Amino acid sequence: MREYKTQMEAAKKGIITPEMEKVAQKEYRSPEEIREKVGRGVIAIPANVNHTSLSPEGIGEGLRTKINVNLGVSGDCHDYDREMEKVKLSLKYGAEAIMDLSNCGKTNIFRKKLIEMSPAMIGTVPMYDAIGYLEKDLLDITAEDFLKVVRAHAEEGVDFMTIHAGINRRAVEAFRRQGRKMNIVSRGGSLLFAWMEMTGNENPFYEHYEEVLEILREYDVTISLGDALRPGCISDATDAGQISELIELGNLTKRAWEKNVQVMVEGPGHMAMNEIAANMTLQKRLCHNAPFYVLGPLVTDIFPGYDHITSAIGGAIAAANGADFLCYVTPAEHLRLPDISDVKEGIMAGKIAAHAADIAKGVPHARDRDDEMAAARHAVDWEKMFEIAADGEKAREYFESTPPSDRHTCSMCGKMCAVRTTNMILEGKEVKFCTEK
């Protein structure tokens, strides 16, 4: 039996866990540095004791920016085989986390299978699953019922859970007083708001926060403090509701750390580019430098069908300014449940944002593959380029779709390729176009 309940407890006791060792190896850091930062809460290693297939990852200060993929069934799209195909695609392209956001029927069979086979971290939002799991309407669910769902997910092996504990009565008052164009756009947040208004009770996850923490501590589940009042359009960004909830999340962060429960804090959804950096600083300040998990942020509201791009722009800025974990957004955002091609587009957009930010932040070895790609392009070595590329299959497909007559170039420039021309001159060769065969 191990000497600690959670990664944070071990870190505070001076114990370097196998998970810390693995994260240190992946991140080119010393195990002692990882331990020290886990102990302070600025790095989290979500690793449920029952997730035996996990390849642990660290999220937080000085580490590579990680990405999360959302998937799961809904009432209109109830095909778990298709969702499992999305899981396999997510793992293939290097997503570090997968959140099962299924909200229809008995979801635990799929979730258990997912946890059994996935080396990626698994996250859930128990609030989404409550109605299907309990087979009760929202008004009939009790505070104790919500805790039962949290325990069930923890027992199954979920590594992190989004718990919307910050939308208490004080935050709701600020939200009502401010007024918004989009009101509440968080699914979990809206359900809790509705439950609170219909029952007249306080948010059960806030009122019974100590009990939630005890459940999470028992299985070493990281709490991801959900942003129920995140802005759903750029006009609502950085308003009283968002900031009021963020202040509450800072207090909840400290309370979780006192119980040795690891924490991530979730951040804004829609926000103009010029506000992002300040929001990252504000979040880190108010939430004591806990790892920050952002959805987007989407930097404009008028590009449905392209929101993987609006999200990648915001995500890159956010991560370069301190965000640690990016939730992908697909082209289907705001329109429908994403299909498998949407999932791939969302993953690659998220990976671009994360990698670009890691280069900007100077994360150790972040530029290594970029330098390798530059060398391969200098040598016009197509096979090496496809090998290095984040999506070599797509790169090869594009290249081969209009093949050049000379394999030392591509069909855009042909023999006028700048790299080829410069290489030939530096090698002492004569460049010819009209007479060269």
Protein backbone atom coordinates (compact mmCIF):
# COMPACT_ATOMS: atom_id res chain seq x y z
CA MET A 1 0.00 0.00 0.00
CA ARG A 2 1.43 3.37 -1.00
CA GLU A 3 2.33 5.98 1.59
CA TYR A 4 0.15 8.72 0.08
CA LYS A 5 -3.34 9.24 -1.31
CA THR A 6 -2.59 11.81 -4.00
CA GLN A 7 0.29 13.11 -6.07
CA MET A 8 0.12 16.38 -4.11
CA GLU A 9 0.31 14.60 -0.77
CA ALA A 10 3.33 12.63 -1.94
CA ALA A 11 5.01 15.80 -3.19
CA LYS A 12 4.48 17.57 0.13
CA LYS A 13 6.02 14.57 1.92
CA GLY A 14 9.08 14.73 -0.33
CA ILE A 15 8.16 11.53 -2.22
CA ILE A 16 8.89 11.32 -5.95
CA THR A 17 6.21 9.09 -7.43
CA PRO A 18 6.50 6.94 -10.59
CA GLU A 19 4.16 9.43 -12.27
CA MET A 20 6.49 12.32 -11.42
CA GLU A 21 9.43 10.34 -12.79
CA LYS A 22 7.59 9.75 -16.05
CA VAL A 23 6.55 13.39 -16.42
CA ALA A 24 10.10 14.53 -15.71
CA GLN A 25 11.39 12.25 -18.44
CA LYS A 26 8.84 13.51 -20.98
CA GLU A 27 9.46 17.16 -20.13
CA TYR A 28 13.29 17.13 -19.88
CA ARG A 29 13.02 18.24 -16.27
CA SER A 30 14.41 16.81 -13.05
CA PRO A 31 12.08 14.66 -10.92
CA GLU A 32 12.78 16.93 -7.96
CA GLU A 33 11.59 20.02 -9.89
CA ILE A 34 8.37 18.21 -10.83
CA ARG A 35 7.84 17.10 -7.22
CA GLU A 36 8.39 20.58 -5.85
CA LYS A 37 5.92 22.17 -8.28
CA VAL A 38 3.28 19.48 -7.74
CA GLY A 39 3.61 20.17 -4.03
CA ARG A 40 2.92 23.88 -4.63
CA GLY A 41 0.03 23.15 -6.98
CA VAL A 42 1.50 24.89 -10.03
CA ILE A 43 1.77 21.51 -11.79
CA ALA A 44 -0.95 18.87 -11.75
CA ILE A 45 -0.55 15.23 -12.77
CA PRO A 46 -4.11 13.91 -13.23
CA ALA A 47 -3.76 10.19 -12.52
CA ASN A 48 -6.64 8.26 -10.98
CA VAL A 49 -5.41 5.22 -9.05
CA ASN A 50 -7.83 3.06 -11.08
CA HIS A 51 -6.63 4.23 -14.52
CA THR A 52 -4.00 1.56 -15.01
CA SER A 53 -3.46 2.16 -18.75
CA LEU A 54 -2.51 5.82 -18.21
CA SER A 55 0.70 7.34 -19.52
CA PRO A 56 0.89 10.25 -17.07
CA GLU A 57 1.25 13.84 -18.20
CA GLY A 58 2.02 17.01 -16.29
CA ILE A 59 0.01 20.18 -16.78
CA GLY A 60 1.34 23.50 -15.58
CA GLU A 61 4.27 25.80 -15.07
CA GLY A 62 7.20 25.32 -17.45
CA LEU A 63 5.74 22.25 -19.18
CA ARG A 64 4.54 21.63 -22.72
CA THR A 65 1.04 22.94 -23.42
CA LYS A 66 -1.35 19.98 -23.50
CA ILE A 67 -4.58 19.61 -25.49
CA ASN A 68 -7.88 17.97 -24.68
CA VAL A 69 -10.40 16.41 -27.07
CA ASN A 70 -14.12 16.50 -26.23
CA LEU A 71 -16.33 13.69 -27.48
CA GLY A 72 -19.35 11.65 -26.39
CA VAL A 73 -22.91 10.90 -27.43
CA SER A 74 -25.97 13.12 -27.31
CA GLY A 75 -29.68 12.44 -27.59
CA ASP A 76 -29.57 13.12 -31.35
CA CYS A 77 -26.32 11.21 -32.04
CA HIS A 78 -26.13 8.03 -30.00
CA ASP A 79 -23.43 5.93 -31.68
CA TYR A 80 -20.69 4.77 -29.31
CA ASP A 81 -18.81 2.94 -32.08
CA ARG A 82 -18.36 6.26 -33.87
CA GLU A 83 -17.19 7.89 -30.64
CA MET A 84 -14.60 5.13 -30.18
CA GLU A 85 -13.27 5.88 -33.66
CA LYS A 86 -12.81 9.47 -32.51
CA VAL A 87 -10.94 8.19 -29.47
CA LYS A 88 -8.53 6.18 -31.64
CA LEU A 89 -7.97 9.20 -33.90
CA SER A 90 -7.29 11.41 -30.87
CA LEU A 91 -4.67 9.01 -29.58
CA LYS A 92 -3.08 8.68 -33.03
CA TYR A 93 -2.54 12.43 -33.30
CA GLY A 94 -1.22 12.91 -29.81
CA ALA A 95 -4.06 14.37 -27.72
CA GLU A 96 -2.97 14.20 -24.10
CA ALA A 97 -6.51 14.16 -22.70
CA ILE A 98 -9.98 13.03 -23.73
CA MET A 99 -13.17 14.24 -22.08
CA ASP A 100 -16.25 12.05 -22.31
CA LEU A 101 -19.12 14.55 -22.36
CA SER A 102 -21.84 12.00 -23.08
CA ASN A 103 -25.19 13.24 -21.85
CA CYS A 104 -27.67 10.57 -22.90
CA GLY A 105 -28.56 7.22 -21.37
CA LYS A 106 -26.24 4.95 -19.39
CA THR A 107 -22.78 6.20 -20.30
CA ASN A 108 -20.64 4.15 -17.94
CA ILE A 109 -20.12 1.19 -20.31
CA PHE A 110 -18.41 3.42 -22.88
CA ARG A 111 -16.49 5.30 -20.21
CA LYS A 112 -15.15 2.12 -18.60
CA LYS A 113 -13.99 0.85 -21.99
CA LEU A 114 -12.38 4.20 -22.70
CA ILE A 115 -10.49 4.22 -19.41
CA GLU A 116 -9.40 0.62 -19.88
CA MET A 117 -7.73 1.26 -23.25
CA SER A 118 -6.63 4.91 -23.17
CA PRO A 119 -3.11 6.05 -22.24
CA ALA A 120 -4.45 9.64 -22.39
CA MET A 121 -5.97 11.33 -19.34
CA ILE A 122 -9.74 10.95 -19.13
CA GLY A 123 -12.00 13.73 -17.95
CA THR A 124 -15.75 14.04 -17.39
CA VAL A 125 -18.39 16.51 -16.26
CA PRO A 126 -20.51 14.56 -13.76
CA MET A 127 -23.27 17.16 -14.01
CA TYR A 128 -23.87 16.12 -17.64
CA ASP A 129 -24.31 12.49 -16.65
CA ALA A 130 -26.54 13.04 -13.63
CA ILE A 131 -29.93 12.94 -15.34
CA GLY A 132 -29.19 9.78 -17.36
CA TYR A 133 -27.30 8.05 -14.55
CA LEU A 134 -29.95 8.76 -11.91
CA GLU A 135 -32.96 8.53 -14.23
CA LYS A 136 -34.45 11.58 -12.55
CA ASP A 137 -35.56 14.94 -13.86
CA LEU A 138 -33.45 17.92 -12.83
CA LEU A 139 -35.85 19.20 -10.18
CA ASP A 140 -35.99 15.78 -8.49
CA ILE A 141 -32.20 15.43 -8.10
CA THR A 142 -30.85 16.05 -4.60
CA ALA A 143 -27.44 17.29 -3.52
CA GLU A 144 -26.66 13.76 -2.34
CA ASP A 145 -27.56 12.43 -5.80
CA PHE A 146 -25.01 14.72 -7.45
CA LEU A 147 -22.31 13.40 -5.10
CA LYS A 148 -23.23 9.82 -6.04
CA VAL A 149 -22.40 10.58 -9.67
CA VAL A 150 -19.06 12.14 -8.71
CA ARG A 151 -18.19 9.00 -6.73
CA ALA A 152 -19.24 6.70 -9.56
CA HIS A 153 -16.98 8.51 -12.06
CA ALA A 154 -14.09 8.49 -9.58
CA GLU A 155 -14.44 4.76 -8.96
CA GLU A 156 -14.44 4.08 -12.71
CA GLY A 157 -11.01 5.71 -13.08
CA VAL A 158 -11.65 9.25 -14.36
CA ASP A 159 -8.48 11.35 -13.97
CA PHE A 160 -10.03 14.81 -13.79
CA MET A 161 -13.56 16.12 -13.38
CA THR A 162 -15.04 19.46 -14.25
CA ILE A 163 -16.96 20.58 -11.18
CA HIS A 164 -18.84 23.87 -11.48
CA ALA A 165 -18.47 24.80 -7.82
CA GLY A 166 -17.87 28.51 -8.35
CA ILE A 167 -21.35 29.48 -9.53
CA ASN A 168 -22.68 30.14 -6.05
CA ARG A 169 -25.31 32.68 -5.04
CA ARG A 170 -22.78 35.54 -4.91
CA ALA A 171 -21.60 34.84 -8.45
CA VAL A 172 -25.19 34.54 -9.69
CA GLU A 173 -26.02 37.90 -8.14
CA ALA A 174 -23.12 39.51 -10.03
CA PHE A 175 -24.25 37.80 -13.24
CA ARG A 176 -27.82 39.04 -12.84
CA ARG A 177 -26.74 42.59 -11.96
CA GLN A 178 -24.40 42.87 -14.96
CA GLY A 179 -26.70 41.56 -17.67
CA ARG A 180 -25.33 39.75 -20.72
CA LYS A 181 -25.93 39.28 -24.40
CA MET A 182 -25.50 35.49 -24.17
CA ASN A 183 -26.33 34.80 -20.51
CA ILE A 184 -24.95 31.37 -19.43
CA VAL A 185 -23.47 29.22 -22.22
CA SER A 186 -21.86 26.52 -20.08
CA ARG A 187 -24.04 23.40 -20.25
CA GLY A 188 -23.12 22.32 -16.73
CA GLY A 189 -23.40 25.87 -15.46
CA SER A 190 -26.84 26.37 -16.96
CA LEU A 191 -28.13 23.12 -15.42
CA LEU A 192 -26.83 24.12 -12.00
CA PHE A 193 -28.25 27.63 -12.37
CA ALA A 194 -31.63 26.13 -13.27
CA TRP A 195 -31.48 23.69 -10.34
CA MET A 196 -30.57 26.48 -7.92
CA GLU A 197 -33.36 28.72 -9.18
CA MET A 198 -36.00 25.98 -9.17
CA THR A 199 -35.11 24.60 -5.74
CA GLY A 200 -34.03 27.79 -4.02
CA ASN A 201 -30.91 25.99 -2.80
CA GLU A 202 -27.21 26.85 -2.95
CA ASN A 203 -25.05 25.14 -5.60
CA PRO A 204 -24.63 21.61 -4.17
CA PHE A 205 -21.01 21.39 -5.35
CA TYR A 206 -20.25 24.61 -3.46
CA GLU A 207 -22.31 23.80 -0.38
CA HIS A 208 -20.89 20.27 -0.10
CA TYR A 209 -17.43 21.08 -1.45
CA GLU A 210 -15.64 19.33 1.41
CA GLU A 211 -17.45 16.08 0.60
CA VAL A 212 -16.58 16.44 -3.09
CA LEU A 213 -12.93 16.87 -2.16
CA GLU A 214 -12.98 13.76 0.04
CA ILE A 215 -14.25 11.67 -2.88
CA LEU A 216 -11.65 13.09 -5.26
CA ARG A 217 -8.85 12.63 -2.74
CA GLU A 218 -9.74 8.97 -2.23
CA TYR A 219 -9.04 8.16 -5.91
CA ASP A 220 -6.56 10.97 -6.66
CA VAL A 221 -8.88 12.72 -9.10
CA THR A 222 -7.84 16.23 -10.13
CA ILE A 223 -10.60 18.80 -9.80
CA SER A 224 -11.01 21.02 -12.83
CA LEU A 225 -12.89 24.01 -11.48
CA GLY A 226 -15.41 24.78 -14.19
CA ASP A 227 -16.15 28.28 -15.42
CA ALA A 228 -19.96 28.22 -15.49
CA LEU A 229 -20.02 31.96 -16.20
CA ARG A 230 -17.49 31.96 -19.01
CA PRO A 231 -18.30 34.45 -21.76
CA GLY A 232 -20.18 32.99 -24.72
CA CYS A 233 -19.53 35.98 -26.99
CA ILE A 234 -16.80 38.58 -27.11
CA SER A 235 -19.14 41.26 -25.73
CA ASP A 236 -19.50 39.34 -22.45
CA ALA A 237 -15.77 38.85 -21.87
CA THR A 238 -14.18 40.04 -18.62
CA ASP A 239 -17.52 41.08 -17.14
CA ALA A 240 -18.63 41.04 -13.51
CA GLY A 241 -20.04 37.52 -13.70
CA GLN A 242 -16.86 36.00 -15.11
CA ILE A 243 -14.61 37.81 -12.61
CA SER A 244 -16.91 37.16 -9.64
CA GLU A 245 -16.81 33.43 -10.35
CA LEU A 246 -13.04 33.55 -10.86
CA ILE A 247 -12.61 35.04 -7.39
CA GLU A 248 -14.65 32.16 -5.97
CA LEU A 249 -12.50 29.66 -7.91
CA GLY A 250 -9.37 31.11 -6.32
CA ASN A 251 -10.76 30.39 -2.86
CA LEU A 252 -11.87 26.89 -3.91
CA THR A 253 -8.37 26.23 -5.26
CA LYS A 254 -6.78 26.88 -1.87
CA ARG A 255 -9.37 24.72 -0.11
CA ALA A 256 -8.64 21.82 -2.47
CA TRP A 257 -4.88 22.12 -1.94
CA GLU A 258 -5.42 22.02 1.82
CA LYS A 259 -6.98 18.57 1.25
CA ASN A 260 -4.12 17.57 -1.08
CA VAL A 261 -6.44 17.49 -4.09
CA GLN A 262 -4.81 18.67 -7.32
CA VAL A 263 -6.48 21.55 -9.16
CA MET A 264 -6.89 22.98 -12.63
CA VAL A 265 -8.93 26.12 -13.25
CA GLU A 266 -11.00 26.53 -16.39
CA GLY A 267 -11.04 29.75 -18.35
CA PRO A 268 -12.92 31.90 -20.84
CA GLY A 269 -14.60 30.77 -24.03
CA HIS A 270 -14.98 33.90 -26.20
CA MET A 271 -12.69 36.92 -25.90
CA ALA A 272 -11.19 39.57 -28.16
CA MET A 273 -7.47 39.17 -28.79
CA ASN A 274 -6.51 42.31 -26.91
CA GLU A 275 -8.05 41.01 -23.66
CA ILE A 276 -6.47 37.56 -23.58
CA ALA A 277 -3.06 38.32 -22.07
CA ALA A 278 -4.56 40.36 -19.25
CA ASN A 279 -7.05 37.59 -18.50
CA MET A 280 -4.28 35.01 -18.23
CA THR A 281 -2.41 37.22 -15.76
CA LEU A 282 -5.60 37.85 -13.78
CA GLN A 283 -6.46 34.16 -13.58
CA LYS A 284 -3.01 33.16 -12.42
CA ARG A 285 -3.04 35.91 -9.81
CA LEU A 286 -6.50 35.18 -8.42
CA CYS A 287 -6.08 31.39 -8.55
CA HIS A 288 -2.57 31.24 -7.07
CA ASN A 289 -0.84 30.05 -10.27
CA ALA A 290 -2.86 26.84 -10.51
CA PRO A 291 -2.74 25.27 -14.01
CA PHE A 292 -5.11 27.09 -16.35
CA TYR A 293 -7.35 25.19 -18.79
CA VAL A 294 -8.96 27.26 -21.55
CA LEU A 295 -11.67 26.58 -24.13
CA GLY A 296 -10.36 28.63 -27.04
CA PRO A 297 -10.76 31.45 -26.41
CA LEU A 298 -12.56 32.18 -29.65
CA VAL A 299 -11.49 35.63 -30.79
CA THR A 300 -14.51 36.44 -32.97
CA ASP A 301 -18.13 35.25 -33.11
CA ILE A 302 -18.97 35.35 -36.84
CA PHE A 303 -17.12 32.36 -38.30
CA PRO A 304 -19.23 29.25 -37.58
CA GLY A 305 -17.72 26.41 -39.55
CA TYR A 306 -14.24 27.84 -38.94
CA ASP A 307 -14.18 28.05 -35.16
CA HIS A 308 -11.22 25.66 -34.98
CA ILE A 309 -9.27 28.57 -36.48
CA THR A 310 -10.75 31.31 -34.28
CA SER A 311 -9.99 29.05 -31.31
CA ALA A 312 -6.43 28.28 -32.40
CA ILE A 313 -5.65 31.98 -32.66
CA GLY A 314 -6.95 32.61 -29.16
CA GLY A 315 -5.40 29.43 -27.77
CA ALA A 316 -1.95 30.32 -29.06
CA ILE A 317 -2.14 33.78 -27.47
CA ALA A 318 -3.51 32.34 -24.23
CA ALA A 319 -0.86 29.63 -23.95
CA ALA A 320 1.95 32.03 -24.81
CA ASN A 321 0.72 34.16 -21.89
CA GLY A 322 0.39 31.43 -19.30
CA ALA A 323 -2.42 29.00 -20.14
CA ASP A 324 -1.29 25.41 -19.65
CA PHE A 325 -4.02 23.25 -21.20
CA LEU A 326 -6.11 23.91 -24.32
CA CYS A 327 -9.49 22.36 -25.04
CA TYR A 328 -9.80 21.80 -28.75
CA VAL A 329 -12.60 23.36 -30.78
CA THR A 330 -13.80 21.79 -34.03
CA PRO A 331 -15.31 23.35 -37.18
CA ALA A 332 -18.66 22.00 -35.95
CA GLU A 333 -18.65 24.15 -32.79
CA HIS A 334 -22.01 25.95 -32.40
CA LEU A 335 -23.48 23.84 -35.24
CA ARG A 336 -23.62 20.08 -34.48
CA LEU A 337 -21.89 17.14 -32.86
CA PRO A 338 -18.49 16.87 -34.61
CA ASP A 339 -17.85 13.97 -36.96
CA ILE A 340 -14.49 12.26 -37.24
CA SER A 341 -13.11 14.72 -39.82
CA ASP A 342 -14.13 17.62 -37.57
CA VAL A 343 -12.32 15.97 -34.67
CA LYS A 344 -9.12 15.70 -36.68
CA GLU A 345 -9.33 19.35 -37.76
CA GLY A 346 -9.90 20.39 -34.15
CA ILE A 347 -6.97 18.32 -32.87
CA MET A 348 -4.55 19.68 -35.43
CA ALA A 349 -5.64 23.29 -34.83
CA GLY A 350 -5.17 22.74 -31.09
CA LYS A 351 -1.76 21.15 -31.59
CA ILE A 352 -0.68 24.10 -33.76
CA ALA A 353 -1.71 26.57 -31.05
CA ALA A 354 -0.03 24.58 -28.28
CA HIS A 355 3.20 24.04 -30.19
CA ALA A 356 3.46 27.65 -31.34
CA ALA A 357 3.01 28.80 -27.74
CA ASP A 358 5.63 26.35 -26.47
CA ILE A 359 8.16 27.79 -28.92
CA ALA A 360 7.29 31.30 -27.74
CA LYS A 361 7.65 30.28 -24.08
CA GLY A 362 10.97 28.54 -24.65
CA VAL A 363 9.80 25.15 -23.41
CA PRO A 364 12.81 22.77 -23.50
CA HIS A 365 13.23 21.05 -26.89
CA ALA A 366 10.01 22.60 -28.27
CA ARG A 367 11.86 23.74 -31.41
CA ASP A 368 13.70 20.50 -32.10
CA ARG A 369 11.30 19.20 -34.75
CA ASP A 370 11.05 22.62 -36.37
CA ASP A 371 14.83 22.65 -36.75
CA GLU A 372 14.72 19.12 -38.17
CA MET A 373 12.08 20.22 -40.66
CA ALA A 374 14.23 23.17 -41.74
CA ALA A 375 17.13 20.79 -42.39
CA ALA A 376 14.89 18.44 -44.39
CA ARG A 377 13.53 21.31 -46.46
CA HIS A 378 17.04 22.62 -47.06
CA ALA A 379 17.96 19.19 -48.44
CA VAL A 380 14.61 18.96 -50.31
CA ASP A 381 14.18 15.57 -48.64
CA TRP A 382 10.47 14.89 -49.04
CA GLU A 383 10.42 11.59 -47.17
CA LYS A 384 12.09 13.19 -44.19
CA MET A 385 9.63 16.09 -44.30
CA PHE A 386 6.68 13.68 -44.24
CA GLU A 387 8.26 11.82 -41.33
CA ILE A 388 8.74 14.99 -39.26
CA ALA A 389 5.39 16.59 -40.09
CA ALA A 390 2.71 16.50 -37.41
CA ASP A 391 0.37 15.08 -40.06
CA GLY A 392 2.66 13.39 -42.55
CA GLU A 393 -0.22 11.60 -44.27
CA LYS A 394 -1.89 14.86 -45.23
CA ALA A 395 1.42 16.42 -46.30
CA ARG A 396 2.16 13.45 -48.57
CA GLU A 397 -1.36 13.52 -49.98
CA TYR A 398 -1.02 17.18 -50.94
CA PHE A 399 2.42 16.68 -52.48
CA GLU A 400 1.39 13.65 -54.51
CA SER A 401 -1.91 15.16 -55.70
CA THR A 402 -0.01 17.33 -58.22
CA PRO A 403 3.39 15.67 -58.53
CA PRO A 404 6.27 17.73 -59.94
CA SER A 405 8.28 16.60 -62.91
CA ASP A 406 11.41 17.00 -60.79
CA ARG A 407 11.18 15.35 -57.35
CA HIS A 408 13.69 17.90 -56.02
CA THR A 409 10.95 20.55 -56.16
CA CYS A 410 7.17 20.80 -55.71
CA SER A 411 4.58 21.79 -58.30
CA MET A 412 4.24 25.36 -57.01
CA CYS A 413 7.65 26.65 -58.13
CA GLY A 414 9.00 23.74 -60.15
CA LYS A 415 12.55 24.37 -61.25
CA MET A 416 12.30 27.94 -59.97
CA CYS A 417 12.28 26.60 -56.40
CA ALA A 418 14.22 29.10 -54.28
CA VAL A 419 15.80 26.36 -52.17
CA ARG A 420 16.94 24.41 -55.22
CA THR A 421 18.32 27.53 -56.93
CA THR A 422 20.28 28.67 -53.87
CA ASN A 423 21.64 25.19 -53.17
CA MET A 424 22.88 24.84 -56.76
CA ILE A 425 24.65 28.21 -56.71
CA LEU A 426 26.29 27.47 -53.35
CA GLU A 427 27.44 24.14 -54.77
CA GLY A 428 29.11 25.97 -57.67
CA LYS A 429 26.57 24.82 -60.27
CA GLU A 430 25.04 26.84 -63.07
CA VAL A 431 21.28 27.42 -62.94
CA LYS A 432 19.45 27.06 -66.25
CA PHE A 433 15.73 26.98 -67.04
CA CYS A 434 15.20 27.17 -70.79
CA THR A 435 17.76 24.59 -71.87
CA GLU A 436 17.74 22.31 -68.83
CA LYS A 437 16.05 18.97 -69.43
